[in-house]
Amino acid sequence: MGNKRQVSGSPSPRVIVGAAIIDDRRVLACERTSPPEVAGRWEFPGGKVEPGESDVEALARECVEELGVRVEIGAQVGPSVSLAHGRAVLRVYAARLVDGDEPKALEHSDMRWLGADELADVVWLPADAPIVAALPPFLA
């Protein structure tokens, strides 16, 4: 009787947020350094939503931690992507830099600005593929 499991039988999925930071019709891609199985793959900066945080609050915090920039968060880009067999969900939002902030690769090995015609120039993490596919209208 002391069991605190949810009635539905499974906990709600962990939310991961990413920022498609767009500037001058280009999006910022960041190269992973770890873990080894994804090192060298490219992603949108972001991370886990902590308890009590909204997606927007988490994304703003992650952009400061990973890139040293402040961002204004806009609309979700593409679909929510199921990760880890449904144990997590990725949501990526369009974002723009504020007050002339310039991103720095604080937690990534490299970063590149990519136009719509350059999105295939890097090897994206599989979870980011549906987001990349939905990006061109945001870069027009």
N, C-alpha and C. Protein backbone atom coordinates (compact mmCIF):
# COMPACT_ATOMS: atom_id res chain seq x y z
N MET A 1 0.81 -1.20 0.00
CA MET A 1 0.00 0.00 0.00
C MET A 1 0.86 1.27 0.00
N GLY A 2 2.11 1.15 0.35
CA GLY A 2 2.99 2.31 0.33
C GLY A 2 3.57 2.57 -1.04
N ASN A 3 3.13 1.83 -2.06
CA ASN A 3 3.64 1.98 -3.42
C ASN A 3 3.17 3.31 -4.01
N LYS A 4 4.11 4.12 -4.50
CA LYS A 4 3.76 5.44 -5.03
C LYS A 4 3.78 5.47 -6.56
N ARG A 5 3.73 4.30 -7.20
CA ARG A 5 3.72 4.27 -8.67
C ARG A 5 2.47 4.93 -9.20
N GLN A 6 2.59 5.56 -10.37
CA GLN A 6 1.44 6.19 -10.99
C GLN A 6 0.45 5.10 -11.42
N VAL A 7 -0.82 5.44 -11.39
CA VAL A 7 -1.87 4.50 -11.73
C VAL A 7 -1.72 3.99 -13.16
N SER A 8 -1.21 4.84 -14.07
CA SER A 8 -1.07 4.45 -15.47
C SER A 8 -0.05 3.33 -15.65
N GLY A 9 0.78 3.10 -14.66
CA GLY A 9 1.73 2.00 -14.72
C GLY A 9 3.11 2.41 -15.22
N SER A 10 3.25 3.57 -15.84
CA SER A 10 4.58 3.99 -16.29
C SER A 10 4.75 5.48 -16.02
N PRO A 11 5.95 5.87 -15.62
CA PRO A 11 6.18 7.29 -15.36
C PRO A 11 6.12 8.08 -16.66
N SER A 12 5.82 9.37 -16.55
CA SER A 12 5.80 10.18 -17.76
C SER A 12 7.24 10.30 -18.29
N PRO A 13 7.40 10.45 -19.61
CA PRO A 13 8.74 10.47 -20.17
C PRO A 13 9.54 11.70 -19.74
N ARG A 14 10.85 11.51 -19.66
CA ARG A 14 11.77 12.61 -19.36
C ARG A 14 11.78 13.55 -20.55
N VAL A 15 11.70 14.86 -20.32
CA VAL A 15 11.67 15.81 -21.43
C VAL A 15 13.08 16.37 -21.67
N ILE A 16 13.51 16.27 -22.92
CA ILE A 16 14.77 16.85 -23.37
C ILE A 16 14.42 17.97 -24.33
N VAL A 17 15.02 19.15 -24.15
CA VAL A 17 14.74 20.27 -25.03
C VAL A 17 16.00 20.65 -25.80
N GLY A 18 15.80 21.11 -27.01
CA GLY A 18 16.90 21.57 -27.85
C GLY A 18 16.56 22.92 -28.45
N ALA A 19 17.61 23.68 -28.79
CA ALA A 19 17.44 25.00 -29.40
C ALA A 19 17.96 24.99 -30.83
N ALA A 20 17.08 25.30 -31.77
CA ALA A 20 17.50 25.55 -33.15
C ALA A 20 17.74 27.06 -33.21
N ILE A 21 18.98 27.47 -32.87
CA ILE A 21 19.30 28.90 -32.81
C ILE A 21 19.52 29.37 -34.25
N ILE A 22 18.67 30.29 -34.66
CA ILE A 22 18.68 30.76 -36.05
C ILE A 22 19.16 32.20 -36.10
N ASP A 23 20.10 32.45 -37.01
CA ASP A 23 20.64 33.79 -37.21
C ASP A 23 20.99 33.94 -38.68
N ASP A 24 20.46 34.98 -39.32
CA ASP A 24 20.77 35.26 -40.72
C ASP A 24 20.53 34.04 -41.61
N ARG A 25 19.36 33.40 -41.44
CA ARG A 25 18.93 32.25 -42.25
C ARG A 25 19.86 31.04 -42.11
N ARG A 26 20.56 30.95 -40.98
CA ARG A 26 21.41 29.79 -40.70
C ARG A 26 21.09 29.30 -39.30
N VAL A 27 21.32 27.98 -39.05
CA VAL A 27 21.06 27.40 -37.74
C VAL A 27 22.38 26.92 -37.15
N LEU A 28 22.49 26.99 -35.83
CA LEU A 28 23.70 26.56 -35.14
C LEU A 28 23.65 25.06 -34.86
N ALA A 29 24.67 24.34 -35.35
CA ALA A 29 24.83 22.91 -35.08
C ALA A 29 26.04 22.74 -34.18
N CYS A 30 25.95 21.83 -33.21
CA CYS A 30 27.03 21.62 -32.24
C CYS A 30 27.49 20.16 -32.28
N GLU A 31 28.81 19.95 -32.26
CA GLU A 31 29.38 18.60 -32.35
C GLU A 31 29.58 18.02 -30.95
N ARG A 32 29.04 16.82 -30.73
CA ARG A 32 29.14 16.14 -29.43
C ARG A 32 30.58 15.68 -29.17
N THR A 33 30.99 15.74 -27.91
CA THR A 33 32.29 15.20 -27.51
C THR A 33 32.14 13.87 -26.78
N SER A 34 30.94 13.62 -26.20
CA SER A 34 30.71 12.40 -25.43
C SER A 34 29.21 12.13 -25.39
N PRO A 35 28.81 10.94 -24.98
CA PRO A 35 29.60 9.73 -24.75
C PRO A 35 30.19 9.22 -26.07
N PRO A 36 31.14 8.26 -25.98
CA PRO A 36 31.88 7.81 -27.17
C PRO A 36 31.00 7.39 -28.34
N GLU A 37 29.83 6.77 -28.06
CA GLU A 37 29.00 6.27 -29.16
C GLU A 37 28.38 7.39 -30.00
N VAL A 38 28.35 8.62 -29.49
CA VAL A 38 27.82 9.74 -30.27
C VAL A 38 28.83 10.85 -30.51
N ALA A 39 30.04 10.70 -30.01
CA ALA A 39 31.08 11.72 -30.23
C ALA A 39 31.27 11.90 -31.73
N GLY A 40 31.35 13.16 -32.15
CA GLY A 40 31.52 13.46 -33.56
C GLY A 40 30.22 13.65 -34.31
N ARG A 41 29.09 13.28 -33.68
CA ARG A 41 27.78 13.53 -34.28
C ARG A 41 27.35 14.94 -33.89
N TRP A 42 26.42 15.48 -34.66
CA TRP A 42 25.98 16.86 -34.46
C TRP A 42 24.56 16.89 -33.89
N GLU A 43 24.30 17.96 -33.12
CA GLU A 43 23.01 18.09 -32.43
C GLU A 43 22.67 19.56 -32.28
N PHE A 44 21.46 19.78 -31.78
CA PHE A 44 21.05 21.11 -31.34
C PHE A 44 21.41 21.21 -29.86
N PRO A 45 21.93 22.36 -29.41
CA PRO A 45 22.25 22.48 -27.99
C PRO A 45 20.98 22.38 -27.14
N GLY A 46 21.15 21.88 -25.92
CA GLY A 46 20.01 21.75 -25.01
C GLY A 46 20.28 20.70 -23.97
N GLY A 47 19.23 20.22 -23.34
CA GLY A 47 19.40 19.22 -22.29
C GLY A 47 18.09 18.91 -21.59
N LYS A 48 18.21 18.29 -20.43
CA LYS A 48 17.05 17.82 -19.68
C LYS A 48 16.29 18.96 -19.00
N VAL A 49 14.97 18.83 -19.02
CA VAL A 49 14.11 19.75 -18.25
C VAL A 49 14.11 19.23 -16.81
N GLU A 50 14.52 20.08 -15.88
CA GLU A 50 14.57 19.68 -14.47
C GLU A 50 13.18 19.85 -13.84
N PRO A 51 12.92 19.10 -12.74
CA PRO A 51 11.61 19.23 -12.08
C PRO A 51 11.30 20.69 -11.74
N GLY A 52 10.08 21.12 -12.06
CA GLY A 52 9.66 22.49 -11.75
C GLY A 52 10.00 23.49 -12.84
N GLU A 53 10.76 23.08 -13.85
CA GLU A 53 11.12 23.98 -14.95
C GLU A 53 10.15 23.79 -16.12
N SER A 54 9.90 24.86 -16.85
CA SER A 54 9.17 24.74 -18.12
C SER A 54 10.20 24.43 -19.21
N ASP A 55 9.71 24.02 -20.38
CA ASP A 55 10.62 23.79 -21.51
C ASP A 55 11.45 25.05 -21.77
N VAL A 56 10.80 26.20 -21.79
CA VAL A 56 11.46 27.46 -22.11
C VAL A 56 12.53 27.80 -21.07
N GLU A 57 12.20 27.63 -19.78
CA GLU A 57 13.18 27.92 -18.73
C GLU A 57 14.39 27.00 -18.84
N ALA A 58 14.13 25.71 -19.10
CA ALA A 58 15.23 24.75 -19.23
C ALA A 58 16.12 25.10 -20.41
N LEU A 59 15.51 25.46 -21.53
CA LEU A 59 16.27 25.76 -22.73
C LEU A 59 17.10 27.02 -22.54
N ALA A 60 16.54 28.02 -21.91
CA ALA A 60 17.30 29.25 -21.63
C ALA A 60 18.51 28.93 -20.75
N ARG A 61 18.31 28.10 -19.71
CA ARG A 61 19.41 27.72 -18.81
C ARG A 61 20.47 26.93 -19.57
N GLU A 62 20.05 25.95 -20.36
CA GLU A 62 21.00 25.12 -21.10
C GLU A 62 21.83 25.94 -22.09
N CYS A 63 21.23 26.93 -22.75
CA CYS A 63 21.98 27.75 -23.70
C CYS A 63 23.05 28.59 -23.01
N VAL A 64 22.75 29.05 -21.78
CA VAL A 64 23.77 29.77 -21.00
C VAL A 64 24.89 28.80 -20.61
N GLU A 65 24.52 27.60 -20.12
CA GLU A 65 25.53 26.63 -19.66
C GLU A 65 26.39 26.10 -20.80
N GLU A 66 25.78 25.77 -21.95
CA GLU A 66 26.52 25.12 -23.04
C GLU A 66 27.19 26.10 -24.00
N LEU A 67 26.60 27.29 -24.16
CA LEU A 67 27.09 28.21 -25.19
C LEU A 67 27.43 29.60 -24.67
N GLY A 68 27.04 29.89 -23.41
CA GLY A 68 27.30 31.21 -22.85
C GLY A 68 26.46 32.31 -23.51
N VAL A 69 25.26 31.95 -24.00
CA VAL A 69 24.40 32.92 -24.67
C VAL A 69 23.01 32.96 -24.07
N ARG A 70 22.37 34.12 -24.25
CA ARG A 70 20.97 34.27 -23.89
C ARG A 70 20.17 34.18 -25.18
N VAL A 71 19.02 33.52 -25.09
CA VAL A 71 18.19 33.32 -26.28
C VAL A 71 16.74 33.69 -25.99
N GLU A 72 16.05 34.02 -27.07
CA GLU A 72 14.60 34.20 -27.03
C GLU A 72 14.04 32.97 -27.73
N ILE A 73 13.13 32.28 -27.05
CA ILE A 73 12.59 31.01 -27.53
C ILE A 73 11.30 31.26 -28.31
N GLY A 74 11.19 30.59 -29.47
CA GLY A 74 10.00 30.72 -30.31
C GLY A 74 9.23 29.41 -30.41
N ALA A 75 8.72 29.16 -31.61
CA ALA A 75 7.86 28.00 -31.86
C ALA A 75 8.63 26.69 -31.88
N GLN A 76 7.93 25.59 -31.58
CA GLN A 76 8.54 24.26 -31.69
C GLN A 76 8.80 23.98 -33.17
N VAL A 77 9.96 23.37 -33.44
CA VAL A 77 10.35 22.99 -34.79
C VAL A 77 10.12 21.49 -34.95
N GLY A 78 9.31 21.11 -35.92
CA GLY A 78 9.09 19.69 -36.18
C GLY A 78 8.34 18.99 -35.06
N PRO A 79 8.34 17.65 -35.13
CA PRO A 79 7.57 16.87 -34.16
C PRO A 79 8.33 16.68 -32.84
N SER A 80 7.60 16.28 -31.80
CA SER A 80 8.24 15.77 -30.59
C SER A 80 8.76 14.38 -30.96
N VAL A 81 10.00 14.08 -30.57
CA VAL A 81 10.64 12.82 -30.97
C VAL A 81 10.78 11.91 -29.75
N SER A 82 10.25 10.70 -29.85
CA SER A 82 10.35 9.73 -28.76
C SER A 82 11.77 9.17 -28.70
N LEU A 83 12.34 9.11 -27.50
CA LEU A 83 13.71 8.61 -27.29
C LEU A 83 13.68 7.48 -26.27
N ALA A 84 14.73 6.68 -26.25
CA ALA A 84 14.92 5.66 -25.22
C ALA A 84 13.67 4.80 -25.04
N HIS A 85 13.14 4.32 -26.15
CA HIS A 85 11.96 3.44 -26.12
C HIS A 85 10.80 4.07 -25.35
N GLY A 86 10.60 5.38 -25.53
CA GLY A 86 9.48 6.07 -24.91
C GLY A 86 9.75 6.60 -23.51
N ARG A 87 10.97 6.39 -23.00
CA ARG A 87 11.29 6.88 -21.65
C ARG A 87 11.65 8.37 -21.65
N ALA A 88 11.87 8.94 -22.86
CA ALA A 88 12.17 10.37 -22.96
C ALA A 88 11.56 10.91 -24.25
N VAL A 89 11.41 12.22 -24.30
CA VAL A 89 10.89 12.87 -25.50
C VAL A 89 11.73 14.12 -25.76
N LEU A 90 12.08 14.33 -27.03
CA LEU A 90 12.86 15.50 -27.44
C LEU A 90 11.93 16.51 -28.10
N ARG A 91 12.02 17.77 -27.63
CA ARG A 91 11.30 18.87 -28.26
C ARG A 91 12.31 19.96 -28.57
N VAL A 92 12.35 20.38 -29.85
CA VAL A 92 13.29 21.41 -30.27
C VAL A 92 12.51 22.67 -30.64
N TYR A 93 13.01 23.81 -30.18
CA TYR A 93 12.35 25.09 -30.40
C TYR A 93 13.27 26.02 -31.19
N ALA A 94 12.65 26.82 -32.07
CA ALA A 94 13.40 27.88 -32.74
C ALA A 94 13.81 28.89 -31.67
N ALA A 95 15.00 29.44 -31.82
CA ALA A 95 15.48 30.43 -30.86
C ALA A 95 16.33 31.45 -31.59
N ARG A 96 16.48 32.62 -30.98
CA ARG A 96 17.40 33.60 -31.56
C ARG A 96 18.23 34.21 -30.44
N LEU A 97 19.44 34.57 -30.80
CA LEU A 97 20.36 35.18 -29.84
C LEU A 97 19.85 36.58 -29.48
N VAL A 98 20.10 36.99 -28.25
CA VAL A 98 19.69 38.33 -27.83
C VAL A 98 20.91 39.16 -27.45
N ASP A 99 20.77 40.46 -27.62
CA ASP A 99 21.79 41.44 -27.21
C ASP A 99 23.17 41.17 -27.80
N GLY A 100 23.22 40.63 -29.03
CA GLY A 100 24.51 40.43 -29.68
C GLY A 100 25.36 39.33 -29.09
N ASP A 101 24.77 38.46 -28.27
CA ASP A 101 25.54 37.35 -27.68
C ASP A 101 26.12 36.48 -28.80
N GLU A 102 27.36 36.02 -28.61
CA GLU A 102 28.04 35.14 -29.56
C GLU A 102 28.27 33.79 -28.89
N PRO A 103 27.77 32.69 -29.50
CA PRO A 103 27.94 31.37 -28.88
C PRO A 103 29.41 30.94 -28.82
N LYS A 104 29.74 30.25 -27.71
CA LYS A 104 31.07 29.66 -27.51
C LYS A 104 30.86 28.16 -27.25
N ALA A 105 31.71 27.33 -27.81
CA ALA A 105 31.59 25.88 -27.64
C ALA A 105 32.15 25.48 -26.27
N LEU A 106 31.36 25.68 -25.22
CA LEU A 106 31.81 25.38 -23.86
C LEU A 106 31.74 23.89 -23.55
N GLU A 107 30.78 23.17 -24.17
CA GLU A 107 30.60 21.74 -23.90
C GLU A 107 30.63 20.89 -25.17
N HIS A 108 30.95 21.51 -26.30
CA HIS A 108 30.99 20.79 -27.58
C HIS A 108 32.39 20.94 -28.19
N SER A 109 32.78 19.99 -29.07
CA SER A 109 34.11 20.06 -29.68
C SER A 109 34.15 21.06 -30.83
N ASP A 110 32.99 21.36 -31.44
CA ASP A 110 32.95 22.30 -32.55
C ASP A 110 31.52 22.78 -32.72
N MET A 111 31.35 23.85 -33.46
CA MET A 111 30.02 24.31 -33.82
C MET A 111 30.11 24.99 -35.18
N ARG A 112 29.01 24.91 -35.92
CA ARG A 112 28.95 25.49 -37.25
C ARG A 112 27.59 26.10 -37.50
N TRP A 113 27.57 27.20 -38.26
CA TRP A 113 26.32 27.79 -38.73
C TRP A 113 26.02 27.17 -40.09
N LEU A 114 24.84 26.60 -40.25
CA LEU A 114 24.47 25.91 -41.48
C LEU A 114 23.23 26.55 -42.11
N GLY A 115 23.32 26.84 -43.41
CA GLY A 115 22.16 27.29 -44.17
C GLY A 115 21.33 26.09 -44.58
N ALA A 116 20.15 26.34 -45.15
CA ALA A 116 19.25 25.25 -45.54
C ALA A 116 19.94 24.27 -46.49
N ASP A 117 20.82 24.77 -47.36
CA ASP A 117 21.50 23.90 -48.33
C ASP A 117 22.72 23.19 -47.74
N GLU A 118 23.02 23.43 -46.46
CA GLU A 118 24.20 22.83 -45.82
C GLU A 118 23.82 21.85 -44.70
N LEU A 119 22.51 21.64 -44.47
CA LEU A 119 22.08 20.81 -43.35
C LEU A 119 22.60 19.38 -43.44
N ALA A 120 22.84 18.88 -44.65
CA ALA A 120 23.34 17.52 -44.83
C ALA A 120 24.86 17.43 -44.76
N ASP A 121 25.53 18.56 -44.51
CA ASP A 121 27.00 18.59 -44.47
C ASP A 121 27.58 17.98 -43.19
N VAL A 122 26.75 17.78 -42.17
CA VAL A 122 27.22 17.18 -40.92
C VAL A 122 26.38 15.92 -40.64
N VAL A 123 26.91 15.03 -39.81
CA VAL A 123 26.19 13.81 -39.44
C VAL A 123 25.43 14.08 -38.13
N TRP A 124 24.12 14.25 -38.26
CA TRP A 124 23.27 14.57 -37.11
C TRP A 124 23.00 13.33 -36.28
N LEU A 125 22.72 13.51 -35.00
CA LEU A 125 22.22 12.43 -34.16
C LEU A 125 20.89 11.97 -34.76
N PRO A 126 20.60 10.66 -34.74
CA PRO A 126 19.35 10.17 -35.34
C PRO A 126 18.11 10.87 -34.81
N ALA A 127 18.06 11.18 -33.53
CA ALA A 127 16.88 11.83 -32.94
C ALA A 127 16.64 13.21 -33.55
N ASP A 128 17.70 13.86 -34.03
CA ASP A 128 17.55 15.20 -34.58
C ASP A 128 17.12 15.20 -36.05
N ALA A 129 17.16 14.05 -36.72
CA ALA A 129 16.83 13.99 -38.16
C ALA A 129 15.45 14.56 -38.49
N PRO A 130 14.38 14.21 -37.74
CA PRO A 130 13.06 14.77 -38.09
C PRO A 130 13.01 16.29 -37.88
N ILE A 131 13.82 16.79 -36.95
CA ILE A 131 13.86 18.23 -36.70
C ILE A 131 14.58 18.92 -37.86
N VAL A 132 15.72 18.35 -38.27
CA VAL A 132 16.48 18.89 -39.39
C VAL A 132 15.59 18.95 -40.64
N ALA A 133 14.79 17.89 -40.85
CA ALA A 133 13.90 17.84 -42.01
C ALA A 133 12.86 18.97 -41.97
N ALA A 134 12.47 19.40 -40.77
CA ALA A 134 11.45 20.43 -40.62
C ALA A 134 12.04 21.85 -40.61
N LEU A 135 13.36 21.97 -40.64
CA LEU A 135 14.01 23.28 -40.49
C LEU A 135 13.95 24.22 -41.69
N PRO A 136 14.04 23.76 -42.94
CA PRO A 136 14.15 24.70 -44.06
C PRO A 136 13.18 25.88 -44.06
N PRO A 137 11.88 25.69 -43.75
CA PRO A 137 11.00 26.88 -43.74
C PRO A 137 11.43 27.94 -42.71
N PHE A 138 12.06 27.50 -41.61
CA PHE A 138 12.52 28.44 -40.58
C PHE A 138 13.75 29.23 -41.06
N LEU A 139 14.45 28.70 -42.07
CA LEU A 139 15.68 29.32 -42.57
C LEU A 139 15.43 30.13 -43.84
N ALA A 140 14.17 30.16 -44.30
CA ALA A 140 13.85 30.86 -45.56
C ALA A 140 13.84 32.37 -45.36
